[in-house]
PDB file of N, CA and C in Angstrom:
ATOM      1  N   MET A   1     -71.303  29.579 -29.451  1.00  0.00           N
ATOM      2  CA  MET A   1     -70.813  30.433 -28.386  1.00  0.00           C
ATOM      3  C   MET A   1     -69.487  29.924 -27.827  1.00  0.00           C
ATOM      4  N   ILE A   2     -69.239  28.636 -27.904  1.00  0.00           N
ATOM      5  CA  ILE A   2     -67.992  28.068 -27.374  1.00  0.00           C
ATOM      6  C   ILE A   2     -66.781  28.772 -27.986  1.00  0.00           C
ATOM      7  N   GLU A   3     -66.823  29.042 -29.275  1.00  0.00           N
ATOM      8  CA  GLU A   3     -65.674  29.687 -29.916  1.00  0.00           C
ATOM      9  C   GLU A   3     -65.446  31.101 -29.386  1.00  0.00           C
ATOM     10  N   HIS A   4     -66.515  31.789 -28.994  1.00  0.00           N
ATOM     11  CA  HIS A   4     -66.374  33.139 -28.426  1.00  0.00           C
ATOM     12  C   HIS A   4     -65.766  33.071 -27.027  1.00  0.00           C
ATOM     13  N   ILE A   5     -66.189  32.079 -26.247  1.00  0.00           N
ATOM     14  CA  ILE A   5     -65.621  31.894 -24.908  1.00  0.00           C
ATOM     15  C   ILE A   5     -64.136  31.572 -25.018  1.00  0.00           C
ATOM     16  N   THR A   6     -63.796  30.669 -25.932  1.00  0.00           N
ATOM     17  CA  THR A   6     -62.392  30.296 -26.135  1.00  0.00           C
ATOM     18  C   THR A   6     -61.569  31.506 -26.549  1.00  0.00           C
ATOM     19  N   ALA A   7     -62.075  32.293 -27.473  1.00  0.00           N
ATOM     20  CA  ALA A   7     -61.358  33.497 -27.913  1.00  0.00           C
ATOM     21  C   ALA A   7     -61.194  34.484 -26.759  1.00  0.00           C
ATOM     22  N   PHE A   8     -62.245  34.633 -25.933  1.00  0.00           N
ATOM     23  CA  PHE A   8     -62.154  35.529 -24.778  1.00  0.00           C
ATOM     24  C   PHE A   8     -61.069  35.053 -23.818  1.00  0.00           C
ATOM     25  N   ILE A   9     -61.063  33.762 -23.520  1.00  0.00           N
ATOM     26  CA  ILE A   9     -60.061  33.230 -22.586  1.00  0.00           C
ATOM     27  C   ILE A   9     -58.660  33.445 -23.137  1.00  0.00           C
ATOM     28  N   GLU A  10     -58.461  33.161 -24.409  1.00  0.00           N
ATOM     29  CA  GLU A  10     -57.137  33.383 -25.008  1.00  0.00           C
ATOM     30  C   GLU A  10     -56.703  34.844 -24.862  1.00  0.00           C
ATOM     31  N   ALA A  11     -57.627  35.765 -25.065  1.00  0.00           N
ATOM     32  CA  ALA A  11     -57.297  37.191 -24.975  1.00  0.00           C
ATOM     33  C   ALA A  11     -57.133  37.663 -23.541  1.00  0.00           C
ATOM     34  N   ALA A  12     -57.860  37.061 -22.614  1.00  0.00           N
ATOM     35  CA  ALA A  12     -57.922  37.569 -21.240  1.00  0.00           C
ATOM     36  C   ALA A  12     -56.851  36.999 -20.317  1.00  0.00           C
ATOM     37  N   ILE A  13     -56.074  36.029 -20.800  1.00  0.00           N
ATOM     38  CA  ILE A  13     -55.003  35.474 -19.969  1.00  0.00           C
ATOM     39  C   ILE A  13     -53.692  35.461 -20.756  1.00  0.00           C
ATOM     40  N   TRP A  14     -52.655  35.169 -20.060  1.00  0.00           N
ATOM     41  CA  TRP A  14     -51.308  35.003 -20.602  1.00  0.00           C
ATOM     42  C   TRP A  14     -50.882  36.184 -21.445  1.00  0.00           C
ATOM     43  N   HIS A  15     -50.737  35.960 -22.753  1.00  0.00           N
ATOM     44  CA  HIS A  15     -50.166  36.982 -23.625  1.00  0.00           C
ATOM     45  C   HIS A  15     -51.212  37.789 -24.379  1.00  0.00           C
ATOM     46  N   GLY A  16     -52.471  37.598 -24.058  1.00  0.00           N
ATOM     47  CA  GLY A  16     -53.530  38.393 -24.678  1.00  0.00           C
ATOM     48  C   GLY A  16     -53.536  39.798 -24.093  1.00  0.00           C
ATOM     49  N   THR A  17     -54.445  40.609 -24.599  1.00  0.00           N
ATOM     50  CA  THR A  17     -54.548  41.976 -24.087  1.00  0.00           C
ATOM     51  C   THR A  17     -55.969  42.232 -23.596  1.00  0.00           C
ATOM     52  N   LEU A  18     -56.078  43.149 -22.661  1.00  0.00           N
ATOM     53  CA  LEU A  18     -57.403  43.525 -22.177  1.00  0.00           C
ATOM     54  C   LEU A  18     -58.240  44.160 -23.277  1.00  0.00           C
ATOM     55  N   ASP A  19     -57.598  44.867 -24.190  1.00  0.00           N
ATOM     56  CA  ASP A  19     -58.347  45.454 -25.305  1.00  0.00           C
ATOM     57  C   ASP A  19     -59.012  44.366 -26.143  1.00  0.00           C
ATOM     58  N   GLN A  20     -58.273  43.298 -26.449  1.00  0.00           N
ATOM     59  CA  GLN A  20     -58.841  42.183 -27.208  1.00  0.00           C
ATOM     60  C   GLN A  20     -59.986  41.540 -26.433  1.00  0.00           C
ATOM     61  N   ALA A  21     -59.748  41.288 -25.166  1.00  0.00           N
ATOM     62  CA  ALA A  21     -60.757  40.642 -24.327  1.00  0.00           C
ATOM     63  C   ALA A  21     -62.009  41.497 -24.223  1.00  0.00           C
ATOM     64  N   GLU A  22     -61.842  42.795 -24.031  1.00  0.00           N
ATOM     65  CA  GLU A  22     -62.982  43.704 -23.917  1.00  0.00           C
ATOM     66  C   GLU A  22     -63.782  43.782 -25.212  1.00  0.00           C
ATOM     67  N   THR A  23     -63.104  43.727 -26.344  1.00  0.00           N
ATOM     68  CA  THR A  23     -63.794  43.737 -27.637  1.00  0.00           C
ATOM     69  C   THR A  23     -64.679  42.506 -27.775  1.00  0.00           C
ATOM     70  N   ILE A  24     -64.151  41.350 -27.414  1.00  0.00           N
ATOM     71  CA  ILE A  24     -64.929  40.108 -27.481  1.00  0.00           C
ATOM     72  C   ILE A  24     -66.092  40.166 -26.498  1.00  0.00           C
ATOM     73  N   LEU A  25     -65.834  40.630 -25.290  1.00  0.00           N
ATOM     74  CA  LEU A  25     -66.874  40.710 -24.262  1.00  0.00           C
ATOM     75  C   LEU A  25     -67.975  41.702 -24.655  1.00  0.00           C
ATOM     76  N   ALA A  26     -67.603  42.791 -25.286  1.00  0.00           N
ATOM     77  CA  ALA A  26     -68.605  43.770 -25.731  1.00  0.00           C
ATOM     78  C   ALA A  26     -69.512  43.175 -26.808  1.00  0.00           C
ATOM     79  N   ALA A  27     -68.937  42.361 -27.671  1.00  0.00           N
ATOM     80  CA  ALA A  27     -69.721  41.734 -28.740  1.00  0.00           C
ATOM     81  C   ALA A  27     -70.555  40.563 -28.234  1.00  0.00           C
ATOM     82  N   HIS A  28     -70.104  39.932 -27.138  1.00  0.00           N
ATOM     83  CA  HIS A  28     -70.777  38.743 -26.597  1.00  0.00           C
ATOM     84  C   HIS A  28     -70.843  38.826 -25.071  1.00  0.00           C
ATOM     85  N   PRO A  29     -71.614  39.758 -24.531  1.00  0.00           N
ATOM     86  CA  PRO A  29     -71.643  39.970 -23.078  1.00  0.00           C
ATOM     87  C   PRO A  29     -72.150  38.759 -22.297  1.00  0.00           C
ATOM     88  N   GLU A  30     -72.879  37.874 -22.930  1.00  0.00           N
ATOM     89  CA  GLU A  30     -73.390  36.682 -22.250  1.00  0.00           C
ATOM     90  C   GLU A  30     -72.260  35.773 -21.759  1.00  0.00           C
ATOM     91  N   ILE A  31     -71.083  35.922 -22.328  1.00  0.00           N
ATOM     92  CA  ILE A  31     -69.936  35.117 -21.911  1.00  0.00           C
ATOM     93  C   ILE A  31     -69.695  35.270 -20.408  1.00  0.00           C
ATOM     94  N   ALA A  32     -69.790  36.490 -19.911  1.00  0.00           N
ATOM     95  CA  ALA A  32     -69.478  36.777 -18.509  1.00  0.00           C
ATOM     96  C   ALA A  32     -70.410  36.082 -17.534  1.00  0.00           C
ATOM     97  N   SER A  33     -71.631  35.799 -17.945  1.00  0.00           N
ATOM     98  CA  SER A  33     -72.595  35.201 -17.013  1.00  0.00           C
ATOM     99  C   SER A  33     -72.864  33.723 -17.270  1.00  0.00           C
ATOM    100  N   THR A  34     -72.375  33.190 -18.395  1.00  0.00           N
ATOM    101  CA  THR A  34     -72.660  31.790 -18.701  1.00  0.00           C
ATOM    102  C   THR A  34     -71.446  30.881 -18.609  1.00  0.00           C
ATOM    103  N   SER A  35     -70.255  31.454 -18.551  1.00  0.00           N
ATOM    104  CA  SER A  35     -69.030  30.661 -18.479  1.00  0.00           C
ATOM    105  C   SER A  35     -68.353  30.888 -17.134  1.00  0.00           C
ATOM    106  N   ILE A  36     -68.214  29.814 -16.349  1.00  0.00           N
ATOM    107  CA  ILE A  36     -67.532  29.958 -15.060  1.00  0.00           C
ATOM    108  C   ILE A  36     -66.083  30.370 -15.268  1.00  0.00           C
ATOM    109  N   HIS A  37     -65.495  29.942 -16.361  1.00  0.00           N
ATOM    110  CA  HIS A  37     -64.101  30.293 -16.628  1.00  0.00           C
ATOM    111  C   HIS A  37     -63.967  31.788 -16.903  1.00  0.00           C
ATOM    112  N   ALA A  38     -64.889  32.340 -17.692  1.00  0.00           N
ATOM    113  CA  ALA A  38     -64.869  33.785 -17.961  1.00  0.00           C
ATOM    114  C   ALA A  38     -65.180  34.568 -16.688  1.00  0.00           C
ATOM    115  N   ALA A  39     -66.149  34.110 -15.918  1.00  0.00           N
ATOM    116  CA  ALA A  39     -66.497  34.789 -14.668  1.00  0.00           C
ATOM    117  C   ALA A  39     -65.302  34.822 -13.716  1.00  0.00           C
ATOM    118  N   ALA A  40     -64.566  33.730 -13.647  1.00  0.00           N
ATOM    119  CA  ALA A  40     -63.380  33.679 -12.783  1.00  0.00           C
ATOM    120  C   ALA A  40     -62.317  34.651 -13.291  1.00  0.00           C
ATOM    121  N   ILE A  41     -62.088  34.673 -14.589  1.00  0.00           N
ATOM    122  CA  ILE A  41     -61.113  35.591 -15.177  1.00  0.00           C
ATOM    123  C   ILE A  41     -61.469  37.032 -14.845  1.00  0.00           C
ATOM    124  N   LEU A  42     -62.753  37.338 -14.883  1.00  0.00           N
ATOM    125  CA  LEU A  42     -63.215  38.699 -14.601  1.00  0.00           C
ATOM    126  C   LEU A  42     -63.242  39.016 -13.108  1.00  0.00           C
ATOM    127  N   GLY A  43     -63.039  38.010 -12.264  1.00  0.00           N
ATOM    128  CA  GLY A  43     -63.102  38.225 -10.819  1.00  0.00           C
ATOM    129  C   GLY A  43     -64.520  38.445 -10.332  1.00  0.00           C
ATOM    130  N   ASP A  44     -65.494  37.900 -11.055  1.00  0.00           N
ATOM    131  CA  ASP A  44     -66.911  38.078 -10.719  1.00  0.00           C
ATOM    132  C   ASP A  44     -67.350  36.970  -9.765  1.00  0.00           C
ATOM    133  N   ASP A  45     -67.143  37.201  -8.472  1.00  0.00           N
ATOM    134  CA  ASP A  45     -67.437  36.166  -7.480  1.00  0.00           C
ATOM    135  C   ASP A  45     -68.917  35.808  -7.440  1.00  0.00           C
ATOM    136  N   ALA A  46     -69.809  36.753  -7.678  1.00  0.00           N
ATOM    137  CA  ALA A  46     -71.248  36.461  -7.657  1.00  0.00           C
ATOM    138  C   ALA A  46     -71.612  35.488  -8.774  1.00  0.00           C
ATOM    139  N   ALA A  47     -71.078  35.718  -9.972  1.00  0.00           N
ATOM    140  CA  ALA A  47     -71.360  34.813 -11.091  1.00  0.00           C
ATOM    141  C   ALA A  47     -70.747  33.441 -10.838  1.00  0.00           C
ATOM    142  N   VAL A  48     -69.535  33.404 -10.306  1.00  0.00           N
ATOM    143  CA  VAL A  48     -68.896  32.120 -10.004  1.00  0.00           C
ATOM    144  C   VAL A  48     -69.727  31.347  -8.985  1.00  0.00           C
ATOM    145  N   ARG A  49     -70.166  32.009  -7.926  1.00  0.00           N
ATOM    146  CA  ARG A  49     -70.990  31.341  -6.908  1.00  0.00           C
ATOM    147  C   ARG A  49     -72.302  30.838  -7.502  1.00  0.00           C
ATOM    148  N   ARG A  50     -72.927  31.653  -8.344  1.00  0.00           N
ATOM    149  CA  ARG A  50     -74.191  31.254  -8.969  1.00  0.00           C
ATOM    150  C   ARG A  50     -73.994  30.035  -9.868  1.00  0.00           C
ATOM    151  N   LEU A  51     -72.925  30.040 -10.654  1.00  0.00           N
ATOM    152  CA  LEU A  51     -72.678  28.925 -11.564  1.00  0.00           C
ATOM    153  C   LEU A  51     -72.335  27.640 -10.815  1.00  0.00           C
ATOM    154  N   ILE A  52     -71.658  27.756  -9.682  1.00  0.00           N
ATOM    155  CA  ILE A  52     -71.371  26.566  -8.863  1.00  0.00           C
ATOM    156  C   ILE A  52     -72.639  26.076  -8.179  1.00  0.00           C
ATOM    157  N   ALA A  53     -73.479  26.988  -7.710  1.00  0.00           N
ATOM    158  CA  ALA A  53     -74.744  26.595  -7.084  1.00  0.00           C
ATOM    159  C   ALA A  53     -75.654  25.893  -8.091  1.00  0.00           C
ATOM    160  N   THR A  54     -75.622  26.364  -9.333  1.00  0.00           N
ATOM    161  CA  THR A  54     -76.421  25.748 -10.393  1.00  0.00           C
ATOM    162  C   THR A  54     -75.941  24.341 -10.690  1.00  0.00           C
ATOM    163  N   ASP A  55     -74.621  24.167 -10.728  1.00  0.00           N
ATOM    164  CA  ASP A  55     -74.026  22.850 -10.993  1.00  0.00           C
ATOM    165  C   ASP A  55     -72.675  22.785 -10.310  1.00  0.00           C
ATOM    166  N   PRO A  56     -72.569  22.075  -9.189  1.00  0.00           N
ATOM    167  CA  PRO A  56     -71.305  22.009  -8.455  1.00  0.00           C
ATOM    168  C   PRO A  56     -70.120  21.505  -9.287  1.00  0.00           C
ATOM    169  N   LYS A  57     -70.376  20.770 -10.353  1.00  0.00           N
ATOM    170  CA  LYS A  57     -69.288  20.301 -11.216  1.00  0.00           C
ATOM    171  C   LYS A  57     -68.577  21.455 -11.912  1.00  0.00           C
ATOM    172  N   ASN A  58     -69.244  22.606 -12.009  1.00  0.00           N
ATOM    173  CA  ASN A  58     -68.609  23.773 -12.618  1.00  0.00           C
ATOM    174  C   ASN A  58     -67.328  24.168 -11.892  1.00  0.00           C
ATOM    175  N   ALA A  59     -67.228  23.845 -10.621  1.00  0.00           N
ATOM    176  CA  ALA A  59     -66.041  24.209  -9.840  1.00  0.00           C
ATOM    177  C   ALA A  59     -64.780  23.535 -10.361  1.00  0.00           C
ATOM    178  N   THR A  60     -64.931  22.357 -10.950  1.00  0.00           N
ATOM    179  CA  THR A  60     -63.752  21.614 -11.407  1.00  0.00           C
ATOM    180  C   THR A  60     -63.759  21.301 -12.898  1.00  0.00           C
ATOM    181  N   ASN A  61     -64.803  21.724 -13.608  1.00  0.00           N
ATOM    182  CA  ASN A  61     -64.848  21.478 -15.059  1.00  0.00           C
ATOM    183  C   ASN A  61     -63.667  22.143 -15.742  1.00  0.00           C
ATOM    184  N   LYS A  62     -63.072  21.419 -16.665  1.00  0.00           N
ATOM    185  CA  LYS A  62     -61.964  21.945 -17.453  1.00  0.00           C
ATOM    186  C   LYS A  62     -62.524  22.653 -18.679  1.00  0.00           C
ATOM    187  N   GLY A  63     -61.868  23.723 -19.091  1.00  0.00           N
ATOM    188  CA  GLY A  63     -62.342  24.487 -20.236  1.00  0.00           C
ATOM    189  C   GLY A  63     -61.241  24.785 -21.229  1.00  0.00           C
ATOM    190  N   GLU A  64     -61.632  24.859 -22.464  1.00  0.00           N
ATOM    191  CA  GLU A  64     -60.706  25.220 -23.543  1.00  0.00           C
ATOM    192  C   GLU A  64     -60.342  26.700 -23.411  1.00  0.00           C
ATOM    193  N   PRO A  65     -59.266  27.122 -23.908  1.00  0.00           N
ATOM    194  CA  PRO A  65     -58.399  26.417 -24.837  1.00  0.00           C
ATOM    195  C   PRO A  65     -57.242  25.672 -24.182  1.00  0.00           C
ATOM    196  N   TYR A  66     -57.042  25.838 -22.883  1.00  0.00           N
ATOM    197  CA  TYR A  66     -55.856  25.275 -22.243  1.00  0.00           C
ATOM    198  C   TYR A  66     -56.156  24.161 -21.254  1.00  0.00           C
ATOM    199  N   GLY A  67     -57.411  23.773 -21.125  1.00  0.00           N
ATOM    200  CA  GLY A  67     -57.773  22.680 -20.229  1.00  0.00           C
ATOM    201  C   GLY A  67     -57.714  23.030 -18.760  1.00  0.00           C
ATOM    202  N   GLY A  68     -57.847  24.303 -18.434  1.00  0.00           N
ATOM    203  CA  GLY A  68     -57.806  24.724 -17.037  1.00  0.00           C
ATOM    204  C   GLY A  68     -59.194  24.777 -16.430  1.00  0.00           C
ATOM    205  N   ASP A  69     -59.240  24.730 -15.100  1.00  0.00           N
ATOM    206  CA  ASP A  69     -60.512  24.946 -14.414  1.00  0.00           C
ATOM    207  C   ASP A  69     -60.619  26.421 -14.041  1.00  0.00           C
ATOM    208  N   ALA A  70     -61.707  26.787 -13.402  1.00  0.00           N
ATOM    209  CA  ALA A  70     -61.946  28.198 -13.095  1.00  0.00           C
ATOM    210  C   ALA A  70     -60.825  28.800 -12.243  1.00  0.00           C
ATOM    211  N   LEU A  71     -60.326  28.055 -11.282  1.00  0.00           N
ATOM    212  CA  LEU A  71     -59.269  28.578 -10.417  1.00  0.00           C
ATOM    213  C   LEU A  71     -57.988  28.846 -11.200  1.00  0.00           C
ATOM    214  N   VAL A  72     -57.646  27.959 -12.110  1.00  0.00           N
ATOM    215  CA  VAL A  72     -56.448  28.166 -12.934  1.00  0.00           C
ATOM    216  C   VAL A  72     -56.601  29.437 -13.763  1.00  0.00           C
ATOM    217  N   TYR A  73     -57.766  29.587 -14.412  1.00  0.00           N
ATOM    218  CA  TYR A  73     -57.974  30.772 -15.235  1.00  0.00           C
ATOM    219  C   TYR A  73     -58.024  32.045 -14.390  1.00  0.00           C
ATOM    220  N   LEU A  74     -58.555  31.966 -13.185  1.00  0.00           N
ATOM    221  CA  LEU A  74     -58.532  33.115 -12.276  1.00  0.00           C
ATOM    222  C   LEU A  74     -57.087  33.537 -12.012  1.00  0.00           C
ATOM    223  N   CYS A  75     -56.237  32.575 -11.734  1.00  0.00           N
ATOM    224  CA  CYS A  75     -54.838  32.874 -11.424  1.00  0.00           C
ATOM    225  C   CYS A  75     -54.089  33.473 -12.612  1.00  0.00           C
ATOM    226  N   LEU A  76     -54.533  33.158 -13.834  1.00  0.00           N
ATOM    227  CA  LEU A  76     -53.857  33.642 -15.032  1.00  0.00           C
ATOM    228  C   LEU A  76     -54.509  34.891 -15.628  1.00  0.00           C
ATOM    229  N   SER A  77     -55.493  35.430 -14.954  1.00  0.00           N
ATOM    230  CA  SER A  77     -56.287  36.533 -15.482  1.00  0.00           C
ATOM    231  C   SER A  77     -55.488  37.813 -15.698  1.00  0.00           C
ATOM    232  N   ASN A  78     -55.539  38.320 -16.922  1.00  0.00           N
ATOM    233  CA  ASN A  78     -54.960  39.640 -17.189  1.00  0.00           C
ATOM    234  C   ASN A  78     -55.752  40.731 -16.490  1.00  0.00           C
ATOM    235  N   TYR A  79     -57.038  40.513 -16.287  1.00  0.00           N
ATOM    236  CA  TYR A  79     -57.840  41.514 -15.577  1.00  0.00           C
ATOM    237  C   TYR A  79     -57.285  41.724 -14.176  1.00  0.00           C
ATOM    238  N   LEU A  80     -56.971  40.660 -13.511  1.00  0.00           N
ATOM    239  CA  LEU A  80     -56.485  40.783 -12.140  1.00  0.00           C
ATOM    240  C   LEU A  80     -55.003  41.133 -12.085  1.00  0.00           C
ATOM    241  N   ARG A  81     -54.290  40.847 -13.152  1.00  0.00           N
ATOM    242  CA  ARG A  81     -52.863  41.162 -13.203  1.00  0.00           C
ATOM    243  C   ARG A  81     -52.623  42.589 -13.679  1.00  0.00           C
ATOM    244  N   LEU A  82     -53.392  43.053 -14.658  1.00  0.00           N
ATOM    245  CA  LEU A  82     -53.112  44.341 -15.283  1.00  0.00           C
ATOM    246  C   LEU A  82     -54.011  45.470 -14.815  1.00  0.00           C
ATOM    247  N   ASP A  83     -55.211  45.144 -14.371  1.00  0.00           N
ATOM    248  CA  ASP A  83     -56.169  46.170 -13.961  1.00  0.00           C
ATOM    249  C   ASP A  83     -56.154  46.259 -12.439  1.00  0.00           C
ATOM    250  N   LYS A  84     -55.421  47.206 -11.918  1.00  0.00           N
ATOM    251  CA  LYS A  84     -55.250  47.316 -10.458  1.00  0.00           C
ATOM    252  C   LYS A  84     -56.571  47.584  -9.736  1.00  0.00           C
ATOM    253  N   THR A  85     -57.541  48.201 -10.397  1.00  0.00           N
ATOM    254  CA  THR A  85     -58.833  48.411  -9.747  1.00  0.00           C
ATOM    255  C   THR A  85     -59.581  47.094  -9.588  1.00  0.00           C
ATOM    256  N   ALA A  86     -59.376  46.162 -10.512  1.00  0.00           N
ATOM    257  CA  ALA A  86     -60.009  44.840 -10.390  1.00  0.00           C
ATOM    258  C   ALA A  86     -59.464  44.117  -9.172  1.00  0.00           C
ATOM    259  N   ILE A  87     -58.168  44.214  -8.948  1.00  0.00           N
ATOM    260  CA  ILE A  87     -57.567  43.568  -7.783  1.00  0.00           C
ATOM    261  C   ILE A  87     -58.164  44.153  -6.506  1.00  0.00           C
ATOM    262  N   SER A  88     -58.332  45.458  -6.448  1.00  0.00           N
ATOM    263  CA  SER A  88     -58.919  46.100  -5.269  1.00  0.00           C
ATOM    264  C   SER A  88     -60.344  45.618  -5.031  1.00  0.00           C
ATOM    265  N   ARG A  89     -61.125  45.493  -6.096  1.00  0.00           N
ATOM    266  CA  ARG A  89     -62.511  45.036  -5.953  1.00  0.00           C
ATOM    267  C   ARG A  89     -62.557  43.609  -5.423  1.00  0.00           C
ATOM    268  N   VAL A  90     -61.694  42.737  -5.948  1.00  0.00           N
ATOM    269  CA  VAL A  90     -61.680  41.349  -5.488  1.00  0.00           C
ATOM    270  C   VAL A  90     -61.243  41.289  -4.030  1.00  0.00           C
ATOM    271  N   ARG A  91     -60.229  42.037  -3.665  1.00  0.00           N
ATOM    272  CA  ARG A  91     -59.763  42.050  -2.284  1.00  0.00           C
ATOM    273  C   ARG A  91     -60.863  42.564  -1.357  1.00  0.00           C
ATOM    274  N   ALA A  92     -61.563  43.615  -1.754  1.00  0.00           N
ATOM    275  CA  ALA A  92     -62.622  44.173  -0.923  1.00  0.00           C
ATOM    276  C   ALA A  92     -63.750  43.156  -0.737  1.00  0.00           C
ATOM    277  N   ARG A  93     -64.149  42.497  -1.783  1.00  0.00           N
ATOM    278  CA  ARG A  93     -65.216  41.494  -1.678  1.00  0.00           C
ATOM    279  C   ARG A  93     -64.763  40.327  -0.820  1.00  0.00           C
ATOM    280  N   GLY A  94     -63.507  39.941  -0.954  1.00  0.00           N
ATOM    281  CA  GLY A  94     -63.003  38.814  -0.193  1.00  0.00           C
ATOM    282  C   GLY A  94     -62.961  39.079   1.303  1.00  0.00           C
ATOM    283  N   HIS A  95     -62.970  40.348   1.689  1.00  0.00           N
ATOM    284  CA  HIS A  95     -62.916  40.702   3.109  1.00  0.00           C
ATOM    285  C   HIS A  95     -64.246  41.237   3.636  1.00  0.00           C
ATOM    286  N   GLY A  96     -65.298  41.003   2.872  1.00  0.00           N
ATOM    287  CA  GLY A  96     -66.626  41.375   3.343  1.00  0.00           C
ATOM    288  C   GLY A  96     -67.052  42.806   3.057  1.00  0.00           C
ATOM    289  N   ALA A  97     -66.209  43.584   2.414  1.00  0.00           N
ATOM    290  CA  ALA A  97     -66.583  44.956   2.078  1.00  0.00           C
ATOM    291  C   ALA A  97     -67.201  44.998   0.689  1.00  0.00           C
ATOM    292  N   ALA A  98     -67.771  46.140   0.342  1.00  0.00           N
ATOM    293  CA  ALA A  98     -68.353  46.408  -0.996  1.00  0.00           C
ATOM    294  C   ALA A  98     -69.015  45.180  -1.507  1.00  0.00           C
TER     295      ALA A  98
END
């Protein structure tokens, strides 16, 4: 599964495309709930909170392919950069709505 997570991260940040990322996620949906890095990229605050509650080290664990932690991958997320509805959802959750 590590190789699928790595491929998803490569597609979901920087120069990857959402189409590539979505194809990988559709084939391996477990990525979104088992990888804090993928959850952060997707802006899934509930999954991120659950993964940190399960193991607080998840907050700072580095992940391939670029050695970033969840916050770094969140900041580089194509989902949050290219999908304007994702940005709205994250903003709404961050302010106590939805």
